[in-house]
C-alpha atoms as a PDB file:
ATOM      1  CA  UNK A   1      57.738 -33.909  49.498  1.00  0.00           C
ATOM      2  CA  UNK A   2      56.403 -35.625  46.291  1.00  0.00           C
ATOM      3  CA  UNK A   3      57.718 -38.969  47.599  1.00  0.00           C
ATOM      4  CA  UNK A   4      55.857 -38.677  50.877  1.00  0.00           C
ATOM      5  CA  UNK A   5      52.730 -37.679  49.208  1.00  0.00           C
ATOM      6  CA  UNK A   6      52.822 -40.816  47.117  1.00  0.00           C
ATOM      7  CA  UNK A   7      53.535 -43.091  50.239  1.00  0.00           C
ATOM      8  CA  UNK A   8      51.100 -41.352  52.505  1.00  0.00           C
ATOM      9  CA  UNK A   9      48.135 -43.802  51.620  1.00  0.00           C
ATOM     10  CA  UNK A  10      50.159 -46.884  52.116  1.00  0.00           C
ATOM     11  CA  UNK A  11      51.630 -45.679  55.396  1.00  0.00           C
ATOM     12  CA  UNK A  12      48.066 -44.877  56.687  1.00  0.00           C
ATOM     13  CA  UNK A  13      46.698 -48.312  55.527  1.00  0.00           C
ATOM     14  CA  UNK A  14      49.622 -50.011  57.506  1.00  0.00           C
ATOM     15  CA  UNK A  15      48.740 -48.032  60.627  1.00  0.00           C
ATOM     16  CA  UNK A  16      45.178 -48.826  60.318  1.00  0.00           C
ATOM     17  CA  UNK A  17      45.716 -52.634  59.970  1.00  0.00           C
ATOM     18  CA  UNK A  18      48.209 -52.629  62.935  1.00  0.00           C
ATOM     19  CA  UNK A  19      45.449 -51.062  65.009  1.00  0.00           C
ATOM     20  CA  UNK A  20      47.463 -47.841  65.917  1.00  0.00           C
ATOM     21  CA  UNK A  21      45.057 -45.610  63.951  1.00  0.00           C
ATOM     22  CA  UNK A  22      41.345 -45.689  63.914  1.00  0.00           C
ATOM     23  CA  UNK A  23      39.359 -44.890  60.679  1.00  0.00           C
ATOM     24  CA  UNK A  24      38.502 -41.387  62.139  1.00  0.00           C
ATOM     25  CA  UNK A  25      42.223 -40.680  62.663  1.00  0.00           C
ATOM     26  CA  UNK A  26      43.149 -41.771  59.097  1.00  0.00           C
ATOM     27  CA  UNK A  27      40.419 -39.550  57.782  1.00  0.00           C
ATOM     28  CA  UNK A  28      41.460 -36.473  59.737  1.00  0.00           C
ATOM     29  CA  UNK A  29      45.093 -37.066  58.405  1.00  0.00           C
ATOM     30  CA  UNK A  30      43.965 -37.328  54.783  1.00  0.00           C
ATOM     31  CA  UNK A  31      41.801 -34.051  55.199  1.00  0.00           C
ATOM     32  CA  UNK A  32      44.788 -32.236  56.895  1.00  0.00           C
ATOM     33  CA  UNK A  33      47.096 -33.286  53.961  1.00  0.00           C
ATOM     34  CA  UNK A  34      44.559 -32.229  51.382  1.00  0.00           C
ATOM     35  CA  UNK A  35      44.150 -28.921  52.933  1.00  0.00           C
ATOM     36  CA  UNK A  36      47.946 -28.447  53.198  1.00  0.00           C
ATOM     37  CA  UNK A  37      48.250 -29.313  49.460  1.00  0.00           C
ATOM     38  CA  UNK A  38      45.563 -26.821  48.652  1.00  0.00           C
ATOM     39  CA  UNK A  39      47.283 -24.056  50.587  1.00  0.00           C
ATOM     40  CA  UNK A  40      50.767 -24.748  49.243  1.00  0.00           C
ATOM     41  CA  UNK A  41      51.783 -22.152  46.782  1.00  0.00           C
ATOM     42  CA  UNK A  42      53.213 -23.601  43.426  1.00  0.00           C
ATOM     43  CA  UNK A  43      56.768 -22.981  42.469  1.00  0.00           C
ATOM     44  CA  UNK A  44      56.583 -20.660  39.645  1.00  0.00           C
ATOM     45  CA  UNK A  45      60.006 -21.745  38.451  1.00  0.00           C
ATOM     46  CA  UNK A  46      58.615 -25.096  37.402  1.00  0.00           C
ATOM     47  CA  UNK A  47      56.263 -23.380  34.795  1.00  0.00           C
ATOM     48  CA  UNK A  48      56.955 -21.576  31.457  1.00  0.00           C
ATOM     49  CA  UNK A  49      56.358 -17.883  31.272  1.00  0.00           C
ATOM     50  CA  UNK A  50      52.910 -16.994  29.689  1.00  0.00           C
ATOM     51  CA  UNK A  51      52.516 -17.165  25.978  1.00  0.00           C
ATOM     52  CA  UNK A  52      49.115 -16.446  24.438  1.00  0.00           C
ATOM     53  CA  UNK A  53      49.799 -18.793  21.621  1.00  0.00           C
ATOM     54  CA  UNK A  54      50.016 -21.840  23.940  1.00  0.00           C
ATOM     55  CA  UNK A  55      46.288 -21.016  25.162  1.00  0.00           C
ATOM     56  CA  UNK A  56      43.511 -22.674  23.059  1.00  0.00           C
ATOM     57  CA  UNK A  57      40.520 -20.593  21.894  1.00  0.00           C
ATOM     58  CA  UNK A  58      38.213 -22.208  24.250  1.00  0.00           C
ATOM     59  CA  UNK A  59      40.475 -21.493  27.246  1.00  0.00           C
ATOM     60  CA  UNK A  60      40.773 -17.827  26.276  1.00  0.00           C
ATOM     61  CA  UNK A  61      37.054 -17.433  26.144  1.00  0.00           C
ATOM     62  CA  UNK A  62      36.711 -19.273  29.558  1.00  0.00           C
ATOM     63  CA  UNK A  63      39.638 -17.555  31.426  1.00  0.00           C
ATOM     64  CA  UNK A  64      39.799 -14.165  29.884  1.00  0.00           C
ATOM     65  CA  UNK A  65      36.244 -13.625  28.450  1.00  0.00           C
ATOM     66  CA  UNK A  66      37.505 -12.665  24.954  1.00  0.00           C
ATOM     67  CA  UNK A  67      38.252 -14.371  21.665  1.00  0.00           C
ATOM     68  CA  UNK A  68      42.004 -15.286  21.331  1.00  0.00           C
ATOM     69  CA  UNK A  69      42.523 -13.089  18.411  1.00  0.00           C
ATOM     70  CA  UNK A  70      40.839 -10.107  20.031  1.00  0.00           C
ATOM     71  CA  UNK A  71      43.228  -9.866  22.985  1.00  0.00           C
ATOM     72  CA  UNK A  72      46.345  -8.423  21.191  1.00  0.00           C
ATOM     73  CA  UNK A  73      44.076  -5.996  19.183  1.00  0.00           C
ATOM     74  CA  UNK A  74      42.460  -4.776  22.632  1.00  0.00           C
ATOM     75  CA  UNK A  75      45.808  -4.327  24.178  1.00  0.00           C
ATOM     76  CA  UNK A  76      46.932  -2.111  21.209  1.00  0.00           C
ATOM     77  CA  UNK A  77      43.618  -0.274  21.224  1.00  0.00           C
ATOM     78  CA  UNK A  78      43.904   0.486  25.034  1.00  0.00           C
ATOM     79  CA  UNK A  79      47.331   2.051  24.194  1.00  0.00           C
ATOM     80  CA  UNK A  80      49.138  -0.106  26.705  1.00  0.00           C
ATOM     81  CA  UNK A  81      52.895   0.146  26.605  1.00  0.00           C
ATOM     82  CA  UNK A  82      54.454  -2.761  24.752  1.00  0.00           C
ATOM     83  CA  UNK A  83      56.711  -3.570  27.590  1.00  0.00           C
ATOM     84  CA  UNK A  84      56.268  -2.557  31.350  1.00  0.00           C
ATOM     85  CA  UNK A  85      58.757  -2.671  34.170  1.00  0.00           C
ATOM     86  CA  UNK A  86      57.929  -2.079  37.950  1.00  0.00           C
ATOM     87  CA  UNK A  87      60.007  -0.757  40.628  1.00  0.00           C
ATOM     88  CA  UNK A  88      60.832  -4.112  41.753  1.00  0.00           C
ATOM     89  CA  UNK A  89      62.179  -4.993  38.204  1.00  0.00           C
ATOM     90  CA  UNK A  90      59.326  -7.215  37.278  1.00  0.00           C
ATOM     91  CA  UNK A  91      58.847  -7.073  33.492  1.00  0.00           C
ATOM     92  CA  UNK A  92      56.016  -8.041  31.268  1.00  0.00           C
ATOM     93  CA  UNK A  93      54.559  -7.480  27.892  1.00  0.00           C
ATOM     94  CA  UNK A  94      51.114  -5.718  27.458  1.00  0.00           C
ATOM     95  CA  UNK A  95      49.419  -8.920  26.293  1.00  0.00           C
ATOM     96  CA  UNK A  96      50.442 -10.759  29.422  1.00  0.00           C
ATOM     97  CA  UNK A  97      49.504  -7.771  31.544  1.00  0.00           C
ATOM     98  CA  UNK A  98      45.921  -7.676  29.961  1.00  0.00           C
ATOM     99  CA  UNK A  99      45.545 -11.416  30.371  1.00  0.00           C
ATOM    100  CA  UNK A 100      46.456 -11.284  34.102  1.00  0.00           C
ATOM    101  CA  UNK A 101      43.896  -8.467  34.508  1.00  0.00           C
ATOM    102  CA  UNK A 102      41.139 -10.281  32.747  1.00  0.00           C
ATOM    103  CA  UNK A 103      41.977 -13.659  34.348  1.00  0.00           C
ATOM    104  CA  UNK A 104      41.768 -12.025  37.899  1.00  0.00           C
ATOM    105  CA  UNK A 105      38.597 -10.275  37.228  1.00  0.00           C
ATOM    106  CA  UNK A 106      36.699 -13.171  35.425  1.00  0.00           C
ATOM    107  CA  UNK A 107      35.807 -14.975  38.593  1.00  0.00           C
ATOM    108  CA  UNK A 108      37.145 -15.053  42.165  1.00  0.00           C
ATOM    109  CA  UNK A 109      40.507 -16.794  42.395  1.00  0.00           C
ATOM    110  CA  UNK A 110      43.693 -16.745  44.251  1.00  0.00           C
ATOM    111  CA  UNK A 111      46.931 -15.587  42.886  1.00  0.00           C
ATOM    112  CA  UNK A 112      48.557 -18.895  43.694  1.00  0.00           C
ATOM    113  CA  UNK A 113      45.886 -20.527  41.294  1.00  0.00           C
ATOM    114  CA  UNK A 114      47.269 -18.301  38.492  1.00  0.00           C
ATOM    115  CA  UNK A 115      50.953 -19.331  38.898  1.00  0.00           C
ATOM    116  CA  UNK A 116      50.842 -22.405  36.636  1.00  0.00           C
ATOM    117  CA  UNK A 117      49.306 -20.464  33.792  1.00  0.00           C
ATOM    118  CA  UNK A 118      51.400 -17.415  33.890  1.00  0.00           C
ATOM    119  CA  UNK A 119      54.765 -18.820  35.292  1.00  0.00           C
ATOM    120  CA  UNK A 120      55.149 -15.890  37.745  1.00  0.00           C
ATOM    121  CA  UNK A 121      55.225 -15.718  41.482  1.00  0.00           C
ATOM    122  CA  UNK A 122      52.151 -14.535  43.519  1.00  0.00           C
ATOM    123  CA  UNK A 123      54.083 -11.227  44.315  1.00  0.00           C
ATOM    124  CA  UNK A 124      54.813 -10.698  40.526  1.00  0.00           C
ATOM    125  CA  UNK A 125      51.173 -11.353  39.565  1.00  0.00           C
ATOM    126  CA  UNK A 126      49.972  -8.991  42.184  1.00  0.00           C
ATOM    127  CA  UNK A 127      52.161  -6.269  40.796  1.00  0.00           C
ATOM    128  CA  UNK A 128      51.253  -6.964  37.252  1.00  0.00           C
ATOM    129  CA  UNK A 129      47.519  -6.848  37.965  1.00  0.00           C
ATOM    130  CA  UNK A 130      47.650  -3.632  40.074  1.00  0.00           C
ATOM    131  CA  UNK A 131      49.892  -1.869  37.635  1.00  0.00           C
ATOM    132  CA  UNK A 132      47.921  -2.820  34.612  1.00  0.00           C
ATOM    133  CA  UNK A 133      44.500  -2.111  36.440  1.00  0.00           C
ATOM    134  CA  UNK A 134      45.950   1.477  37.338  1.00  0.00           C
ATOM    135  CA  UNK A 135      47.245   1.998  33.911  1.00  0.00           C
ATOM    136  CA  UNK A 136      44.008   1.154  32.054  1.00  0.00           C
ATOM    137  CA  UNK A 137      41.930   3.210  34.634  1.00  0.00           C
ATOM    138  CA  UNK A 138      44.154   6.295  34.319  1.00  0.00           C
ATOM    139  CA  UNK A 139      44.220   6.292  30.445  1.00  0.00           C
ATOM    140  CA  UNK A 140      40.502   5.432  29.824  1.00  0.00           C
ATOM    141  CA  UNK A 141      38.336   6.370  32.832  1.00  0.00           C
ATOM    142  CA  UNK A 142      37.253   9.425  31.107  1.00  0.00           C
ATOM    143  CA  UNK A 143      35.422   7.381  28.510  1.00  0.00           C
ATOM    144  CA  UNK A 144      32.637   6.519  31.088  1.00  0.00           C
ATOM    145  CA  UNK A 145      32.830   9.881  32.936  1.00  0.00           C
ATOM    146  CA  UNK A 146      31.178  12.033  30.247  1.00  0.00           C
ATOM    147  CA  UNK A 147      27.945  11.820  28.156  1.00  0.00           C
ATOM    148  CA  UNK A 148      29.700  13.136  25.138  1.00  0.00           C
ATOM    149  CA  UNK A 149      30.608   9.751  23.564  1.00  0.00           C
ATOM    150  CA  UNK A 150      31.481   9.546  19.816  1.00  0.00           C
ATOM    151  CA  UNK A 151      29.110   6.412  19.431  1.00  0.00           C
ATOM    152  CA  UNK A 152      26.158   8.089  21.024  1.00  0.00           C
ATOM    153  CA  UNK A 153      23.206   8.730  18.610  1.00  0.00           C
ATOM    154  CA  UNK A 154      20.751  10.512  20.565  1.00  0.00           C
ATOM    155  CA  UNK A 155      18.055  10.680  17.899  1.00  0.00           C
ATOM    156  CA  UNK A 156      18.414   6.959  17.273  1.00  0.00           C
ATOM    157  CA  UNK A 157      18.125   6.150  20.982  1.00  0.00           C
ATOM    158  CA  UNK A 158      15.166   8.382  21.342  1.00  0.00           C
ATOM    159  CA  UNK A 159      13.523   6.624  18.511  1.00  0.00           C
ATOM    160  CA  UNK A 160      14.156   3.095  19.980  1.00  0.00           C
ATOM    161  CA  UNK A 161      12.604   4.163  23.433  1.00  0.00           C
ATOM    162  CA  UNK A 162       9.678   5.823  21.770  1.00  0.00           C
ATOM    163  CA  UNK A 163       8.973   2.375  19.859  1.00  0.00           C
ATOM    164  CA  UNK A 164       8.646   0.671  23.186  1.00  0.00           C
ATOM    165  CA  UNK A 165       6.111   3.271  24.441  1.00  0.00           C
ATOM    166  CA  UNK A 166       8.344   5.953  25.920  1.00  0.00           C
ATOM    167  CA  UNK A 167       8.150   9.611  25.658  1.00  0.00           C
ATOM    168  CA  UNK A 168       9.653  11.143  22.514  1.00  0.00           C
ATOM    169  CA  UNK A 169      12.687  12.597  24.284  1.00  0.00           C
ATOM    170  CA  UNK A 170      14.016  10.046  26.608  1.00  0.00           C
ATOM    171  CA  UNK A 171      17.204   8.561  25.193  1.00  0.00           C
ATOM    172  CA  UNK A 172      18.895   6.491  28.147  1.00  0.00           C
ATOM    173  CA  UNK A 173      18.228   5.190  31.494  1.00  0.00           C
ATOM    174  CA  UNK A 174      19.910   5.930  34.912  1.00  0.00           C
ATOM    175  CA  UNK A 175      20.107   3.718  37.957  1.00  0.00           C
ATOM    176  CA  UNK A 176      22.135   2.698  40.874  1.00  0.00           C
ATOM    177  CA  UNK A 177      23.622  -0.621  41.898  1.00  0.00           C
ATOM    178  CA  UNK A 178      24.811  -1.775  45.211  1.00  0.00           C
ATOM    179  CA  UNK A 179      27.841  -4.069  45.904  1.00  0.00           C
ATOM    180  CA  UNK A 180      28.333  -5.964  49.143  1.00  0.00           C
ATOM    181  CA  UNK A 181      31.833  -5.320  50.629  1.00  0.00           C
ATOM    182  CA  UNK A 182      33.878  -6.811  53.427  1.00  0.00           C
ATOM    183  CA  UNK A 183      32.774  -5.672  56.850  1.00  0.00           C
ATOM    184  CA  UNK A 184      35.381  -2.864  57.684  1.00  0.00           C
ATOM    185  CA  UNK A 185      37.116  -2.706  61.010  1.00  0.00           C
ATOM    186  CA  UNK A 186      36.480   0.962  61.302  1.00  0.00           C
ATOM    187  CA  UNK A 187      33.945   3.377  59.842  1.00  0.00           C
ATOM    188  CA  UNK A 188      31.149   0.743  59.506  1.00  0.00           C
ATOM    189  CA  UNK A 189      28.320   3.127  59.720  1.00  0.00           C
ATOM    190  CA  UNK A 190      29.425   4.859  56.628  1.00  0.00           C
ATOM    191  CA  UNK A 191      29.129   1.644  54.494  1.00  0.00           C
ATOM    192  CA  UNK A 192      26.197   0.019  56.082  1.00  0.00           C
ATOM    193  CA  UNK A 193      22.873   0.117  54.069  1.00  0.00           C
ATOM    194  CA  UNK A 194      19.863  -0.140  56.178  1.00  0.00           C
ATOM    195  CA  UNK A 195      17.805  -0.969  53.291  1.00  0.00           C
ATOM    196  CA  UNK A 196      19.829  -4.030  52.028  1.00  0.00           C
ATOM    197  CA  UNK A 197      21.074  -4.719  55.586  1.00  0.00           C
ATOM    198  CA  UNK A 198      24.735  -5.279  54.420  1.00  0.00           C
ATOM    199  CA  UNK A 199      27.956  -3.187  54.145  1.00  0.00           C
ATOM    200  CA  UNK A 200      28.225  -2.052  50.752  1.00  0.00           C
ATOM    201  CA  UNK A 201      29.230   0.566  48.107  1.00  0.00           C
ATOM    202  CA  UNK A 202      26.969   1.834  45.386  1.00  0.00           C
ATOM    203  CA  UNK A 203      27.710   2.848  41.744  1.00  0.00           C
ATOM    204  CA  UNK A 204      25.636   5.042  39.336  1.00  0.00           C
ATOM    205  CA  UNK A 205      25.116   3.846  35.716  1.00  0.00           C
ATOM    206  CA  UNK A 206      23.654   5.563  32.628  1.00  0.00           C
ATOM    207  CA  UNK A 207      22.656   2.883  30.083  1.00  0.00           C
ATOM    208  CA  UNK A 208      21.895   3.395  26.425  1.00  0.00           C
ATOM    209  CA  UNK A 209      19.069   1.299  24.827  1.00  0.00           C
ATOM    210  CA  UNK A 210      21.964  -0.568  22.897  1.00  0.00           C
ATOM    211  CA  UNK A 211      23.110  -1.914  26.178  1.00  0.00           C
ATOM    212  CA  UNK A 212      26.428   0.116  26.486  1.00  0.00           C
ATOM    213  CA  UNK A 213      27.290   2.156  29.460  1.00  0.00           C
ATOM    214  CA  UNK A 214      27.294   5.903  28.586  1.00  0.00           C
ATOM    215  CA  UNK A 215      28.290   7.217  32.138  1.00  0.00           C
ATOM    216  CA  UNK A 216      29.527   5.644  35.336  1.00  0.00           C
ATOM    217  CA  UNK A 217      30.065   7.202  38.650  1.00  0.00           C
ATOM    218  CA  UNK A 218      31.187   5.932  42.150  1.00  0.00           C
ATOM    219  CA  UNK A 219      31.766   4.496  44.373  1.00  0.00           C
ATOM    220  CA  UNK A 220      29.411   6.113  46.922  1.00  0.00           C
ATOM    221  CA  UNK A 221      28.766   4.997  50.563  1.00  0.00           C
ATOM    222  CA  UNK A 222      26.168   2.223  50.827  1.00  0.00           C
ATOM    223  CA  UNK A 223      23.820   4.327  52.857  1.00  0.00           C
ATOM    224  CA  UNK A 224      23.488   6.942  50.272  1.00  0.00           C
ATOM    225  CA  UNK A 225      20.373   7.193  48.396  1.00  0.00           C
ATOM    226  CA  UNK A 226      20.071   7.332  44.539  1.00  0.00           C
ATOM    227  CA  UNK A 227      19.183  11.053  44.638  1.00  0.00           C
ATOM    228  CA  UNK A 228      22.292  11.827  46.597  1.00  0.00           C
ATOM    229  CA  UNK A 229      24.360   9.962  44.123  1.00  0.00           C
ATOM    230  CA  UNK A 230      22.681  11.922  41.302  1.00  0.00           C
ATOM    231  CA  UNK A 231      23.536  15.218  42.885  1.00  0.00           C
ATOM    232  CA  UNK A 232      27.284  14.293  43.804  1.00  0.00           C
ATOM    233  CA  UNK A 233      27.830  13.024  40.229  1.00  0.00           C
ATOM    234  CA  UNK A 234      27.190  16.490  38.859  1.00  0.00           C
ATOM    235  CA  UNK A 235      25.557  14.931  35.696  1.00  0.00           C
ATOM    236  CA  UNK A 236      23.087  17.818  35.553  1.00  0.00           C
ATOM    237  CA  UNK A 237      25.788  19.973  33.956  1.00  0.00           C
ATOM    238  CA  UNK A 238      26.183  17.507  31.123  1.00  0.00           C
ATOM    239  CA  UNK A 239      22.341  16.831  30.604  1.00  0.00           C
ATOM    240  CA  UNK A 240      21.132  20.422  30.505  1.00  0.00           C
ATOM    241  CA  UNK A 241      22.750  21.265  26.989  1.00  0.00           C
ATOM    242  CA  UNK A 242      21.614  18.112  25.297  1.00  0.00           C
ATOM    243  CA  UNK A 243      18.850  18.761  22.740  1.00  0.00           C
ATOM    244  CA  UNK A 244      17.369  16.681  19.771  1.00  0.00           C
ATOM    245  CA  UNK A 245      17.504  17.693  16.156  1.00  0.00           C
ATOM    246  CA  UNK A 246      14.333  19.726  16.545  1.00  0.00           C
ATOM    247  CA  UNK A 247      15.652  21.486  19.543  1.00  0.00           C
ATOM    248  CA  UNK A 248      13.578  19.751  22.235  1.00  0.00           C
ATOM    249  CA  UNK A 249      15.234  18.941  25.599  1.00  0.00           C
ATOM    250  CA  UNK A 250      16.451  15.490  25.963  1.00  0.00           C
ATOM    251  CA  UNK A 251      16.059  13.490  29.057  1.00  0.00           C
ATOM    252  CA  UNK A 252      17.053  10.361  31.063  1.00  0.00           C
ATOM    253  CA  UNK A 253      14.477   8.121  32.808  1.00  0.00           C
ATOM    254  CA  UNK A 254      15.068   6.907  36.307  1.00  0.00           C
ATOM    255  CA  UNK A 255      13.168   5.089  39.006  1.00  0.00           C
ATOM    256  CA  UNK A 256      11.281   6.624  41.879  1.00  0.00           C
ATOM    257  CA  UNK A 257      14.512   7.281  43.818  1.00  0.00           C
ATOM    258  CA  UNK A 258      15.320  10.149  41.814  1.00  0.00           C
ATOM    259  CA  UNK A 259      13.769  13.721  41.815  1.00  0.00           C
ATOM    260  CA  UNK A 260      11.806  14.892  38.776  1.00  0.00           C
ATOM    261  CA  UNK A 261      13.772  17.524  36.576  1.00  0.00           C
ATOM    262  CA  UNK A 262      13.238  18.852  33.097  1.00  0.00           C
ATOM    263  CA  UNK A 263      16.019  16.454  31.826  1.00  0.00           C
ATOM    264  CA  UNK A 264      15.323  13.500  34.195  1.00  0.00           C
ATOM    265  CA  UNK A 265      11.871  11.722  34.235  1.00  0.00           C
ATOM    266  CA  UNK A 266      10.589   9.319  36.862  1.00  0.00           C
ATOM    267  CA  UNK A 267       7.457   7.157  37.167  1.00  0.00           C
ATOM    268  CA  UNK A 268       4.158   8.665  38.218  1.00  0.00           C
ATOM    269  CA  UNK A 269       4.195   8.418  42.087  1.00  0.00           C
ATOM    270  CA  UNK A 270       0.470   8.660  42.404  1.00  0.00           C
ATOM    271  CA  UNK A 271      -0.648   6.506  39.506  1.00  0.00           C
ATOM    272  CA  UNK A 272      -4.410   7.037  40.140  1.00  0.00           C
ATOM    273  CA  UNK A 273      -5.493   6.560  36.441  1.00  0.00           C
ATOM    274  CA  UNK A 274      -5.074   3.616  34.036  1.00  0.00           C
ATOM    275  CA  UNK A 275      -3.076   5.934  31.638  1.00  0.00           C
ATOM    276  CA  UNK A 276      -0.420   6.530  34.407  1.00  0.00           C
ATOM    277  CA  UNK A 277      -0.236   2.991  35.315  1.00  0.00           C
ATOM    278  CA  UNK A 278       0.157   1.912  31.638  1.00  0.00           C
ATOM    279  CA  UNK A 279       3.002   4.461  31.374  1.00  0.00           C
ATOM    280  CA  UNK A 280       4.756   3.242  34.434  1.00  0.00           C
ATOM    281  CA  UNK A 281       4.457  -0.317  33.261  1.00  0.00           C
ATOM    282  CA  UNK A 282       5.720   0.358  29.651  1.00  0.00           C
ATOM    283  CA  UNK A 283       8.717   2.442  30.988  1.00  0.00           C
ATOM    284  CA  UNK A 284       9.539  -0.337  33.474  1.00  0.00           C
ATOM    285  CA  UNK A 285       9.916  -2.708  30.641  1.00  0.00           C
ATOM    286  CA  UNK A 286      12.052  -0.325  28.635  1.00  0.00           C
ATOM    287  CA  UNK A 287      14.484   0.520  31.450  1.00  0.00           C
ATOM    288  CA  UNK A 288      15.118  -3.104  32.084  1.00  0.00           C
ATOM    289  CA  UNK A 289      18.155  -2.696  29.906  1.00  0.00           C
ATOM    290  CA  UNK A 290      19.968  -0.929  32.694  1.00  0.00           C
ATOM    291  CA  UNK A 291      19.489  -4.001  34.978  1.00  0.00           C
ATOM    292  CA  UNK A 292      20.729  -6.222  32.132  1.00  0.00           C
ATOM    293  CA  UNK A 293      23.930  -4.172  32.066  1.00  0.00           C
ATOM    294  CA  UNK A 294      24.523  -4.644  35.594  1.00  0.00           C
ATOM    295  CA  UNK A 295      23.833  -8.420  35.355  1.00  0.00           C
ATOM    296  CA  UNK A 296      26.165  -8.821  32.312  1.00  0.00           C
ATOM    297  CA  UNK A 297      29.157  -7.109  34.081  1.00  0.00           C
ATOM    298  CA  UNK A 298      28.551  -9.278  37.197  1.00  0.00           C
ATOM    299  CA  UNK A 299      28.316 -12.443  35.052  1.00  0.00           C
ATOM    300  CA  UNK A 300      31.328 -11.931  32.872  1.00  0.00           C
ATOM    301  CA  UNK A 301      33.570 -10.562  35.672  1.00  0.00           C
ATOM    302  CA  UNK A 302      32.431 -12.090  38.834  1.00  0.00           C
ATOM    303  CA  UNK A 303      35.280 -10.834  40.755  1.00  0.00           C
ATOM    304  CA  UNK A 304      33.208  -7.685  41.414  1.00  0.00           C
ATOM    305  CA  UNK A 305      30.766  -9.729  43.401  1.00  0.00           C
ATOM    306  CA  UNK A 306      33.290 -11.380  45.651  1.00  0.00           C
ATOM    307  CA  UNK A 307      32.847  -9.141  48.658  1.00  0.00           C
ATOM    308  CA  UNK A 308      35.624 -10.732  50.671  1.00  0.00           C
ATOM    309  CA  UNK A 309      38.134  -8.926  48.456  1.00  0.00           C
ATOM    310  CA  UNK A 310      36.272  -5.512  48.412  1.00  0.00           C
ATOM    311  CA  UNK A 311      38.049  -4.043  51.507  1.00  0.00           C
ATOM    312  CA  UNK A 312      37.910  -0.536  52.542  1.00  0.00           C
ATOM    313  CA  UNK A 313      39.514   1.508  55.330  1.00  0.00           C
ATOM    314  CA  UNK A 314      42.663  -0.549  55.397  1.00  0.00           C
END
């Protein structure tokens, strides 16, 4: 095949000179050959198995979104098994599994595009990705499903929000985000959002002022409003016991889609005074951190925005 690819331009040139092919025919043949080469899956046996040491620091930051020296440390802190073996007898070490996961999530790409870097077939890469993703989620999903995080300093967060013009007991911000998905073959009415006019799923995030996600819940059907997400997440149970050092009830701040509660504040709906309008404006500036959080995740791991791969009801 390699010899044919090398001779193809000369063969087409001779056919054009002889008058057998027109310029349009040659262009179509060249385009067809380019498409065929693009769709051709590389032979993984021609490539060496993945070794992190052979990847440069710049390539690590580009493909995996982390510094080279941080990847083995992260694999250890995630308590990933040193070696994994699937039911199909595919084996890989934890650093390779983590790199496959990060590379796949970093931006939309085909498994065939990853073959030269990892030296594994597309079926093996698929198995490594799915197994690693399931392992990480199973072990660590609880870290974003509870407000009781070891790094959360409620008093410090309250002080930070207060300095930006907020009330003296708001410590974090809550909001929902919508992600477009592939149009399903069945059950389209459940995922269709009339507001955004797309098929989608929604997630609810609680973001601290330092830019870290405290709580994440979802996915929800794209048609569900924020208030329904809040109710289904049962976050009320975790918010009620939270109090500051002086015993005051701590609260979250959300947009107008949420219902007002003692531990959940929203903007003034009828801002008929300057004081109310100023408060809404200051809190809108403060709660922008939750939007930054959504944007940072989508920027670093653009795979979550590739709706063609977000398929439901298969």
